[in-house]
Amino acid sequence: AHYLAQVADHFRIALAFMGCQDLEDLHRLP
C-alpha cells in the first residue's frame, strides 16, 4: 500500500511541475 500510495503522490507531484491541473491538461502536454 505504501508503494502504491507513493505512486499516487508522485503522480500528483509530476502533474504539478508539468503545470497540469487535471488529467485533461496532462493529455494536452507537448
PDB file of all heavy atoms in Angstrom:
ATOM      1  N   ALA A   1       0.835  -1.206   0.000  1.00  0.00           N
ATOM      2  CA  ALA A   1       0.000   0.000   0.000  1.00  0.00           C
ATOM      3  C   ALA A   1       0.869   1.255   0.000  1.00  0.00           C
ATOM      4  O   ALA A   1       0.536   2.254  -0.655  1.00  0.00           O
ATOM      5  CB  ALA A   1      -0.926  -0.004   1.214  1.00  0.00           C
ATOM      6  N   HIS A   2       1.990   1.214   0.723  1.00  0.00           N
ATOM      7  CA  HIS A   2       2.901   2.359   0.737  1.00  0.00           C
ATOM      8  C   HIS A   2       3.471   2.611  -0.660  1.00  0.00           C
ATOM      9  O   HIS A   2       3.584   3.771  -1.096  1.00  0.00           O
ATOM     10  CB  HIS A   2       4.037   2.112   1.731  1.00  0.00           C
ATOM     11  CG  HIS A   2       5.074   3.201   1.739  1.00  0.00           C
ATOM     12  ND1 HIS A   2       4.854   4.440   2.307  1.00  0.00           N
ATOM     13  CD2 HIS A   2       6.333   3.242   1.214  1.00  0.00           C
ATOM     14  CE1 HIS A   2       5.928   5.193   2.140  1.00  0.00           C
ATOM     15  NE2 HIS A   2       6.834   4.500   1.489  1.00  0.00           N
ATOM     16  N   TYR A   3       3.839   1.526  -1.349  1.00  0.00           N
ATOM     17  CA  TYR A   3       4.348   1.664  -2.724  1.00  0.00           C
ATOM     18  C   TYR A   3       3.323   2.336  -3.622  1.00  0.00           C
ATOM     19  O   TYR A   3       3.632   3.297  -4.349  1.00  0.00           O
ATOM     20  CB  TYR A   3       4.735   0.289  -3.274  1.00  0.00           C
ATOM     21  CG  TYR A   3       4.745   0.206  -4.782  1.00  0.00           C
ATOM     22  CD1 TYR A   3       5.653   0.947  -5.544  1.00  0.00           C
ATOM     23  CD2 TYR A   3       3.842  -0.612  -5.460  1.00  0.00           C
ATOM     24  CE1 TYR A   3       5.653   0.876  -6.933  1.00  0.00           C
ATOM     25  CE2 TYR A   3       3.843  -0.696  -6.836  1.00  0.00           C
ATOM     26  CZ  TYR A   3       4.742   0.052  -7.569  1.00  0.00           C
ATOM     27  OH  TYR A   3       4.737  -0.015  -8.942  1.00  0.00           O
ATOM     28  N   LEU A   4       2.079   1.867  -3.583  1.00  0.00           N
ATOM     29  CA  LEU A   4       1.049   2.421  -4.453  1.00  0.00           C
ATOM     30  C   LEU A   4       0.669   3.844  -4.039  1.00  0.00           C
ATOM     31  O   LEU A   4       0.389   4.686  -4.893  1.00  0.00           O
ATOM     32  CB  LEU A   4      -0.181   1.519  -4.450  1.00  0.00           C
ATOM     33  CG  LEU A   4      -0.010   0.203  -5.219  1.00  0.00           C
ATOM     34  CD1 LEU A   4      -1.173  -0.737  -4.945  1.00  0.00           C
ATOM     35  CD2 LEU A   4       0.133   0.467  -6.711  1.00  0.00           C
ATOM     36  N   ALA A   5       0.673   4.126  -2.737  1.00  0.00           N
ATOM     37  CA  ALA A   5       0.397   5.484  -2.277  1.00  0.00           C
ATOM     38  C   ALA A   5       1.487   6.434  -2.764  1.00  0.00           C
ATOM     39  O   ALA A   5       1.207   7.596  -3.108  1.00  0.00           O
ATOM     40  CB  ALA A   5       0.304   5.519  -0.752  1.00  0.00           C
ATOM     41  N   GLN A   6       2.727   5.940  -2.821  1.00  0.00           N
ATOM     42  CA  GLN A   6       3.824   6.768  -3.328  1.00  0.00           C
ATOM     43  C   GLN A   6       3.657   7.034  -4.813  1.00  0.00           C
ATOM     44  O   GLN A   6       3.924   8.152  -5.284  1.00  0.00           O
ATOM     45  CB  GLN A   6       5.153   6.068  -3.059  1.00  0.00           C
ATOM     46  CG  GLN A   6       6.363   6.852  -3.545  1.00  0.00           C
ATOM     47  CD  GLN A   6       7.666   6.195  -3.125  1.00  0.00           C
ATOM     48  OE1 GLN A   6       8.135   6.410  -2.023  1.00  0.00           O
ATOM     49  NE2 GLN A   6       8.230   5.385  -4.025  1.00  0.00           N
ATOM     50  N   VAL A   7       3.217   6.025  -5.576  1.00  0.00           N
ATOM     51  CA  VAL A   7       2.947   6.241  -6.995  1.00  0.00           C
ATOM     52  C   VAL A   7       1.906   7.346  -7.158  1.00  0.00           C
ATOM     53  O   VAL A   7       2.060   8.259  -7.976  1.00  0.00           O
ATOM     54  CB  VAL A   7       2.466   4.942  -7.675  1.00  0.00           C
ATOM     55  CG1 VAL A   7       1.989   5.233  -9.099  1.00  0.00           C
ATOM     56  CG2 VAL A   7       3.580   3.903  -7.717  1.00  0.00           C
ATOM     57  N   ALA A   8       0.832   7.287  -6.350  1.00  0.00           N
ATOM     58  CA  ALA A   8      -0.226   8.297  -6.432  1.00  0.00           C
ATOM     59  C   ALA A   8       0.298   9.678  -6.061  1.00  0.00           C
ATOM     60  O   ALA A   8      -0.015  10.678  -6.721  1.00  0.00           O
ATOM     61  CB  ALA A   8      -1.387   7.904  -5.518  1.00  0.00           C
ATOM     62  N   ASP A   9       1.114   9.754  -4.997  1.00  0.00           N
ATOM     63  CA  ASP A   9       1.665  11.035  -4.559  1.00  0.00           C
ATOM     64  C   ASP A   9       2.609  11.615  -5.604  1.00  0.00           C
ATOM     65  O   ASP A   9       2.553  12.803  -5.926  1.00  0.00           O
ATOM     66  CB  ASP A   9       2.393  10.841  -3.230  1.00  0.00           C
ATOM     67  CG  ASP A   9       2.912  12.153  -2.659  1.00  0.00           C
ATOM     68  OD1 ASP A   9       2.131  13.123  -2.582  1.00  0.00           O
ATOM     69  OD2 ASP A   9       4.105  12.220  -2.306  1.00  0.00           O
ATOM     70  N   HIS A  10       3.464  10.757  -6.156  1.00  0.00           N
ATOM     71  CA  HIS A  10       4.418  11.221  -7.163  1.00  0.00           C
ATOM     72  C   HIS A  10       3.707  11.623  -8.458  1.00  0.00           C
ATOM     73  O   HIS A  10       4.173  12.508  -9.179  1.00  0.00           O
ATOM     74  CB  HIS A  10       5.459  10.142  -7.437  1.00  0.00           C
ATOM     75  CG  HIS A  10       6.427   9.955  -6.316  1.00  0.00           C
ATOM     76  ND1 HIS A  10       7.553   9.168  -6.415  1.00  0.00           N
ATOM     77  CD2 HIS A  10       6.444  10.459  -5.056  1.00  0.00           C
ATOM     78  CE1 HIS A  10       8.216   9.188  -5.278  1.00  0.00           C
ATOM     79  NE2 HIS A  10       7.551   9.956  -4.437  1.00  0.00           N
ATOM     80  N   PHE A  11       2.592  10.961  -8.739  1.00  0.00           N
ATOM     81  CA  PHE A  11       1.799  11.328  -9.909  1.00  0.00           C
ATOM     82  C   PHE A  11       1.288  12.763  -9.763  1.00  0.00           C
ATOM     83  O   PHE A  11       1.368  13.570 -10.692  1.00  0.00           O
ATOM     84  CB  PHE A  11       0.639  10.346 -10.068  1.00  0.00           C
ATOM     85  CG  PHE A  11      -0.211  10.570 -11.287  1.00  0.00           C
ATOM     86  CD1 PHE A  11       0.262  10.274 -12.557  1.00  0.00           C
ATOM     87  CD2 PHE A  11      -1.508  11.057 -11.172  1.00  0.00           C
ATOM     88  CE1 PHE A  11      -0.527  10.463 -13.687  1.00  0.00           C
ATOM     89  CE2 PHE A  11      -2.304  11.251 -12.287  1.00  0.00           C
ATOM     90  CZ  PHE A  11      -1.812  10.956 -13.547  1.00  0.00           C
ATOM     91  N   ARG A  12       0.797  13.093  -8.578  1.00  0.00           N
ATOM     92  CA  ARG A  12       0.323  14.455  -8.312  1.00  0.00           C
ATOM     93  C   ARG A  12       1.479  15.451  -8.411  1.00  0.00           C
ATOM     94  O   ARG A  12       1.333  16.538  -8.974  1.00  0.00           O
ATOM     95  CB  ARG A  12      -0.320  14.531  -6.937  1.00  0.00           C
ATOM     96  CG  ARG A  12      -0.823  15.922  -6.547  1.00  0.00           C
ATOM     97  CD  ARG A  12      -1.419  15.919  -5.151  1.00  0.00           C
ATOM     98  NE  ARG A  12      -2.608  15.090  -5.125  1.00  0.00           N
ATOM     99  CZ  ARG A  12      -3.834  15.503  -5.447  1.00  0.00           C
ATOM    100  NH1 ARG A  12      -4.010  16.771  -5.834  1.00  0.00           N
ATOM    101  NH2 ARG A  12      -4.861  14.692  -5.390  1.00  0.00           N
ATOM    102  N   ILE A  13       2.637  15.092  -7.872  1.00  0.00           N
ATOM    103  CA  ILE A  13       3.805  15.966  -7.936  1.00  0.00           C
ATOM    104  C   ILE A  13       4.191  16.233  -9.391  1.00  0.00           C
ATOM    105  O   ILE A  13       4.481  17.370  -9.777  1.00  0.00           O
ATOM    106  CB  ILE A  13       4.986  15.345  -7.161  1.00  0.00           C
ATOM    107  CG1 ILE A  13       4.711  15.371  -5.655  1.00  0.00           C
ATOM    108  CG2 ILE A  13       6.296  16.061  -7.475  1.00  0.00           C
ATOM    109  CD1 ILE A  13       5.701  14.584  -4.828  1.00  0.00           C
ATOM    110  N   ALA A  14       4.195  15.158 -10.210  1.00  0.00           N
ATOM    111  CA  ALA A  14       4.558  15.321 -11.621  1.00  0.00           C
ATOM    112  C   ALA A  14       3.580  16.238 -12.336  1.00  0.00           C
ATOM    113  O   ALA A  14       3.990  17.096 -13.140  1.00  0.00           O
ATOM    114  CB  ALA A  14       4.612  13.958 -12.306  1.00  0.00           C
ATOM    115  N   LEU A  15       2.284  16.089 -12.057  1.00  0.00           N
ATOM    116  CA  LEU A  15       1.299  16.982 -12.664  1.00  0.00           C
ATOM    117  C   LEU A  15       1.559  18.431 -12.258  1.00  0.00           C
ATOM    118  O   LEU A  15       1.429  19.349 -13.079  1.00  0.00           O
ATOM    119  CB  LEU A  15      -0.116  16.567 -12.263  1.00  0.00           C
ATOM    120  CG  LEU A  15      -0.874  15.695 -13.291  1.00  0.00           C
ATOM    121  CD1 LEU A  15      -0.173  14.372 -13.503  1.00  0.00           C
ATOM    122  CD2 LEU A  15      -2.327  15.479 -12.866  1.00  0.00           C
ATOM    123  N   ALA A  16       1.966  18.613 -11.013  1.00  0.00           N
ATOM    124  CA  ALA A  16       2.203  19.971 -10.528  1.00  0.00           C
ATOM    125  C   ALA A  16       3.341  20.638 -11.285  1.00  0.00           C
ATOM    126  O   ALA A  16       3.184  21.759 -11.796  1.00  0.00           O
ATOM    127  CB  ALA A  16       2.509  19.941  -9.032  1.00  0.00           C
ATOM    128  N   PHE A  17       4.506  19.989 -11.379  1.00  0.00           N
ATOM    129  CA  PHE A  17       5.619  20.686 -12.023  1.00  0.00           C
ATOM    130  C   PHE A  17       5.534  20.663 -13.545  1.00  0.00           C
ATOM    131  O   PHE A  17       6.297  21.338 -14.220  1.00  0.00           O
ATOM    132  CB  PHE A  17       6.989  20.213 -11.503  1.00  0.00           C
ATOM    133  CG  PHE A  17       7.383  18.788 -11.786  1.00  0.00           C
ATOM    134  CD1 PHE A  17       7.603  18.338 -13.069  1.00  0.00           C
ATOM    135  CD2 PHE A  17       7.601  17.908 -10.729  1.00  0.00           C
ATOM    136  CE1 PHE A  17       8.005  17.037 -13.318  1.00  0.00           C
ATOM    137  CE2 PHE A  17       8.002  16.607 -10.965  1.00  0.00           C
ATOM    138  CZ  PHE A  17       8.205  16.166 -12.268  1.00  0.00           C
ATOM    139  N   MET A  18       4.559  19.883 -14.090  1.00  0.00           N
ATOM    140  CA  MET A  18       4.294  19.978 -15.527  1.00  0.00           C
ATOM    141  C   MET A  18       3.191  20.985 -15.831  1.00  0.00           C
ATOM    142  O   MET A  18       2.821  21.187 -16.977  1.00  0.00           O
ATOM    143  CB  MET A  18       3.911  18.602 -16.080  1.00  0.00           C
ATOM    144  CG  MET A  18       5.036  17.580 -16.068  1.00  0.00           C
ATOM    145  SD  MET A  18       6.509  18.081 -16.984  1.00  0.00           S
ATOM    146  CE  MET A  18       5.863  18.275 -18.632  1.00  0.00           C
ATOM    147  N   GLY A  19       2.632  21.621 -14.779  1.00  0.00           N
ATOM    148  CA  GLY A  19       1.612  22.644 -14.982  1.00  0.00           C
ATOM    149  C   GLY A  19       0.244  22.096 -15.323  1.00  0.00           C
ATOM    150  O   GLY A  19      -0.543  22.761 -16.006  1.00  0.00           O
ATOM    151  N   CYS A  20      -0.075  20.898 -14.823  1.00  0.00           N
ATOM    152  CA  CYS A  20      -1.359  20.247 -15.124  1.00  0.00           C
ATOM    153  C   CYS A  20      -2.284  20.300 -13.920  1.00  0.00           C
ATOM    154  O   CYS A  20      -1.924  19.820 -12.832  1.00  0.00           O
ATOM    155  CB  CYS A  20      -1.135  18.792 -15.524  1.00  0.00           C
ATOM    156  SG  CYS A  20      -0.123  18.578 -16.997  1.00  0.00           S
ATOM    157  N   GLN A  21      -3.480  20.836 -14.098  1.00  0.00           N
ATOM    158  CA  GLN A  21      -4.458  20.909 -13.023  1.00  0.00           C
ATOM    159  C   GLN A  21      -5.316  19.657 -12.953  1.00  0.00           C
ATOM    160  O   GLN A  21      -5.871  19.324 -11.910  1.00  0.00           O
ATOM    161  CB  GLN A  21      -5.349  22.133 -13.216  1.00  0.00           C
ATOM    162  CG  GLN A  21      -6.138  22.530 -11.974  1.00  0.00           C
ATOM    163  CD  GLN A  21      -5.249  23.077 -10.861  1.00  0.00           C
ATOM    164  OE1 GLN A  21      -4.543  24.049 -11.050  1.00  0.00           O
ATOM    165  NE2 GLN A  21      -5.297  22.443  -9.683  1.00  0.00           N
ATOM    166  N   ASP A  22      -5.398  18.920 -14.083  1.00  0.00           N
ATOM    167  CA  ASP A  22      -6.186  17.697 -14.110  1.00  0.00           C
ATOM    168  C   ASP A  22      -5.687  16.802 -15.235  1.00  0.00           C
ATOM    169  O   ASP A  22      -4.689  17.108 -15.906  1.00  0.00           O
ATOM    170  CB  ASP A  22      -7.681  18.005 -14.277  1.00  0.00           C
ATOM    171  CG  ASP A  22      -7.965  18.872 -15.502  1.00  0.00           C
ATOM    172  OD1 ASP A  22      -7.173  18.832 -16.476  1.00  0.00           O
ATOM    173  OD2 ASP A  22      -8.977  19.589 -15.499  1.00  0.00           O
ATOM    174  N   LEU A  23      -6.368  15.693 -15.449  1.00  0.00           N
ATOM    175  CA  LEU A  23      -5.919  14.717 -16.438  1.00  0.00           C
ATOM    176  C   LEU A  23      -6.045  15.236 -17.862  1.00  0.00           C
ATOM    177  O   LEU A  23      -5.258  14.852 -18.737  1.00  0.00           O
ATOM    178  CB  LEU A  23      -6.709  13.409 -16.279  1.00  0.00           C
ATOM    179  CG  LEU A  23      -6.623  12.739 -14.902  1.00  0.00           C
ATOM    180  CD1 LEU A  23      -7.360  11.404 -14.922  1.00  0.00           C
ATOM    181  CD2 LEU A  23      -5.180  12.556 -14.452  1.00  0.00           C
ATOM    182  N   GLU A  24      -7.008  16.101 -18.107  1.00  0.00           N
ATOM    183  CA  GLU A  24      -7.151  16.675 -19.442  1.00  0.00           C
ATOM    184  C   GLU A  24      -5.928  17.514 -19.799  1.00  0.00           C
ATOM    185  O   GLU A  24      -5.448  17.486 -20.938  1.00  0.00           O
ATOM    186  CB  GLU A  24      -8.426  17.512 -19.529  1.00  0.00           C
ATOM    187  CG  GLU A  24      -9.708  16.686 -19.530  1.00  0.00           C
ATOM    188  CD  GLU A  24      -9.744  15.682 -20.668  1.00  0.00           C
ATOM    189  OE1 GLU A  24      -9.437  16.066 -21.823  1.00  0.00           O
ATOM    190  OE2 GLU A  24     -10.069  14.504 -20.408  1.00  0.00           O
ATOM    191  N   ASP A  25      -5.425  18.259 -18.832  1.00  0.00           N
ATOM    192  CA  ASP A  25      -4.206  19.032 -19.069  1.00  0.00           C
ATOM    193  C   ASP A  25      -3.039  18.099 -19.405  1.00  0.00           C
ATOM    194  O   ASP A  25      -2.206  18.416 -20.264  1.00  0.00           O
ATOM    195  CB  ASP A  25      -3.841  19.853 -17.827  1.00  0.00           C
ATOM    196  CG  ASP A  25      -4.749  21.055 -17.631  1.00  0.00           C
ATOM    197  OD1 ASP A  25      -5.479  21.411 -18.575  1.00  0.00           O
ATOM    198  OD2 ASP A  25      -4.715  21.638 -16.533  1.00  0.00           O
ATOM    199  N   LEU A  26      -2.973  16.972 -18.724  1.00  0.00           N
ATOM    200  CA  LEU A  26      -1.898  16.007 -18.966  1.00  0.00           C
ATOM    201  C   LEU A  26      -1.933  15.496 -20.399  1.00  0.00           C
ATOM    202  O   LEU A  26      -0.897  15.362 -21.058  1.00  0.00           O
ATOM    203  CB  LEU A  26      -2.037  14.841 -17.979  1.00  0.00           C
ATOM    204  CG  LEU A  26      -0.975  13.736 -18.014  1.00  0.00           C
ATOM    205  CD1 LEU A  26       0.406  14.307 -17.759  1.00  0.00           C
ATOM    206  CD2 LEU A  26      -1.308  12.662 -16.990  1.00  0.00           C
ATOM    207  N   HIS A  27      -3.119  15.246 -20.892  1.00  0.00           N
ATOM    208  CA  HIS A  27      -3.268  14.737 -22.260  1.00  0.00           C
ATOM    209  C   HIS A  27      -2.896  15.773 -23.321  1.00  0.00           C
ATOM    210  O   HIS A  27      -2.657  15.414 -24.474  1.00  0.00           O
ATOM    211  CB  HIS A  27      -4.707  14.262 -22.493  1.00  0.00           C
ATOM    212  CG  HIS A  27      -5.024  12.965 -21.825  1.00  0.00           C
ATOM    213  ND1 HIS A  27      -6.191  12.745 -21.134  1.00  0.00           N
ATOM    214  CD2 HIS A  27      -4.309  11.819 -21.720  1.00  0.00           C
ATOM    215  CE1 HIS A  27      -6.191  11.526 -20.649  1.00  0.00           C
ATOM    216  NE2 HIS A  27      -5.070  10.947 -20.989  1.00  0.00           N
ATOM    217  N   ARG A  28      -2.849  17.039 -22.913  1.00  0.00           N
ATOM    218  CA  ARG A  28      -2.524  18.101 -23.874  1.00  0.00           C
ATOM    219  C   ARG A  28      -1.050  18.500 -23.860  1.00  0.00           C
ATOM    220  O   ARG A  28      -0.638  19.371 -24.624  1.00  0.00           O
ATOM    221  CB  ARG A  28      -3.393  19.335 -23.593  1.00  0.00           C
ATOM    222  CG  ARG A  28      -4.863  19.169 -23.972  1.00  0.00           C
ATOM    223  CD  ARG A  28      -5.598  20.495 -23.935  1.00  0.00           C
ATOM    224  NE  ARG A  28      -5.801  20.945 -22.563  1.00  0.00           N
ATOM    225  CZ  ARG A  28      -6.932  20.736 -21.866  1.00  0.00           C
ATOM    226  NH1 ARG A  28      -7.936  20.083 -22.435  1.00  0.00           N
ATOM    227  NH2 ARG A  28      -7.052  21.194 -20.635  1.00  0.00           N
ATOM    228  N   LEU A  29      -0.250  17.862 -23.026  1.00  0.00           N
ATOM    229  CA  LEU A  29       1.156  18.245 -22.926  1.00  0.00           C
ATOM    230  C   LEU A  29       1.917  17.952 -24.222  1.00  0.00           C
ATOM    231  O   LEU A  29       1.745  16.884 -24.813  1.00  0.00           O
ATOM    232  CB  LEU A  29       1.841  17.484 -21.787  1.00  0.00           C
ATOM    233  CG  LEU A  29       1.587  17.953 -20.355  1.00  0.00           C
ATOM    234  CD1 LEU A  29       2.367  17.071 -19.392  1.00  0.00           C
ATOM    235  CD2 LEU A  29       1.981  19.411 -20.173  1.00  0.00           C
ATOM    236  N   PRO A  30       2.797  18.855 -24.629  1.00  0.00           N
ATOM    237  CA  PRO A  30       3.664  18.566 -25.779  1.00  0.00           C
ATOM    238  C   PRO A  30       4.768  17.588 -25.372  1.00  0.00           C
ATOM    239  O   PRO A  30       5.194  17.551 -24.212  1.00  0.00           O
ATOM    240  CB  PRO A  30       4.251  19.941 -26.132  1.00  0.00           C
ATOM    241  CG  PRO A  30       4.214  20.703 -24.850  1.00  0.00           C
ATOM    242  CD  PRO A  30       2.997  20.223 -24.105  1.00  0.00           C
TER     243      PRO A  30
END
